[in-house]
């Protein structure tokens, strides 16, 4: 081992002055580096002795104190400062903290370049490399065995906990806990200090915000303090990546001692195996989801004709056959404020939003009292609601559920808007394709009518569906022209909006007050417009048959408007 004391005993450096921190002279040096940038504090390795001119902390006592404390947290053996140009002398506050923490501060003379210290120390260290390389190879073999023979996240966390002598937390990209383990070498348990639940966040947003914005893409550990209640826990966290894709984080909590290069090598090897395990799990999930998606595609298309095949596939995907099902289809739209002209970018954004929505709904579904089967189909979210009985107000209850889902998603997933189509409940899962068709048809019809709503149940749009399916477009146009033609012509010629007035009046069941409020006009203005409409169409609003004709005409008007 090459210590700070050994460094000071070398011929060229015997005259160097130890300003403070003498109790750390036996700290082990594993490397040497230059530090003249505050952002670099997070990237130094354990055991690196650092050389600096002090330029970046010359004007800030707080930054000077932070430098010493953070160097102690990463096991820096000594700080060598050339103070003459920027500091004049070593600040007293740095000397005081150096003495407290046992980090020697060594004053370097002005005339010797940093390169001389670098080259001489590396010469001395070259003899220790063979031993370190052998230790590194042993660690690599341990993790290679895990990768080759399996063992999963729990095996990775246990191996890291033993090698690093620390409690280990493994997180996915959203900081959800995947696994954790305590060091077998000491009686310190992470669960005594933190509430840990798998698949849930175990750290606060405030803690996460301490890391640099580009932290997921960096390949280096960072030291941070995690505050839990009244306790402050020291952590070393490293992101994990493979082929430039981020897969999560490894966090070591309350390491037992100062880390050397060996611990950081173990962390790096663990990060690689963690990333490979995540890649494997991702591919397995994709394969399972592909098979599951194919099943639902066939089910919703009505292409599973064999009862035996339906029973077998439903059992494989944990879909109960005995329940009644209702299909909810959600259209996802990204707000115009964030869309761009780049089609590829918009598609990628949509895929990300859909994935976030699925995560939000899956979490909700785990605690919902009824079965919810949730998946995506292109840019739509499909929710299948399974119930053991058919309550009298089933349509109202499923509409309430849809509203709850919309509010939940729009609260947790920014810049998206949803609207839902709902089909009727079916008694047999083999006929689920009917409910799915009805939900899709509800969304299609909703786009044809000026309805200010976000939830559309098929039973409320059945008339429009029936008319669309059974009356030709030619007959619709002819009927619409016969009933509403004069009013359309009058609006076009005089640039008026009597068609809008009439439709609003019909929609509000001839209620004058409600219609005036909906149109944002005075009651007397509305009464005048009604007189004009009656005169143009030769219409008496008191005649029920005439009003039915008007309602049908407006349905035909919207059903043919998009054709």
Foldseek 3Di string as FASTA:
>chain_A
DQFQLNLCPDDVRVPWDFLALVQLRRQAAQAEEEDDDLVCLFFDAARYEYEYQCQVCQPPPVSLLVSLVSCLLRHHSEYEYADVPRNVDDDPSNRVVSRVSRHTYIYDHPPDDPVVSRVVVVVVNPVVVVVLVVLLVVLLVVLVCCLVVPDPPAVLQQVLQQQQVFKKFWAWPVQFTAYIDHHPPDDDDPVVQWPHDGRHHGADPVQVVVDDPCQLQDAGWGWDWGDGPPDTKIKIKGWADDPSHTTTMMITIRGVDRDDVSSVSSVNSSSDSNHSSSVVVVVVVVVVVVLVVVLVVCLLVLNPPDPVVVVVVCVVVVNDFQWKKKKKKKAKDFAPVPDDPDPVVVQVVLVVLVVQLQVQVVVVQVPDPWHWDWDDDRSMIMIMTTDNDQDPPNVVVVQVVVVVSQVSSCVRRDRMHMAMFIADIDRGSSCNSRNVVLRVVQVVLVVLDPDPDRYGYSVVCVVLVCCLVPPDLVVLVVLLCLQCVQVVVVCVVVVDPLVVLVVLCLVVVNDLVNSCVVVVHDSVVSVVSVVVVCVRRVDDPVDPVSSVSVVSSVSSCSSNVVD
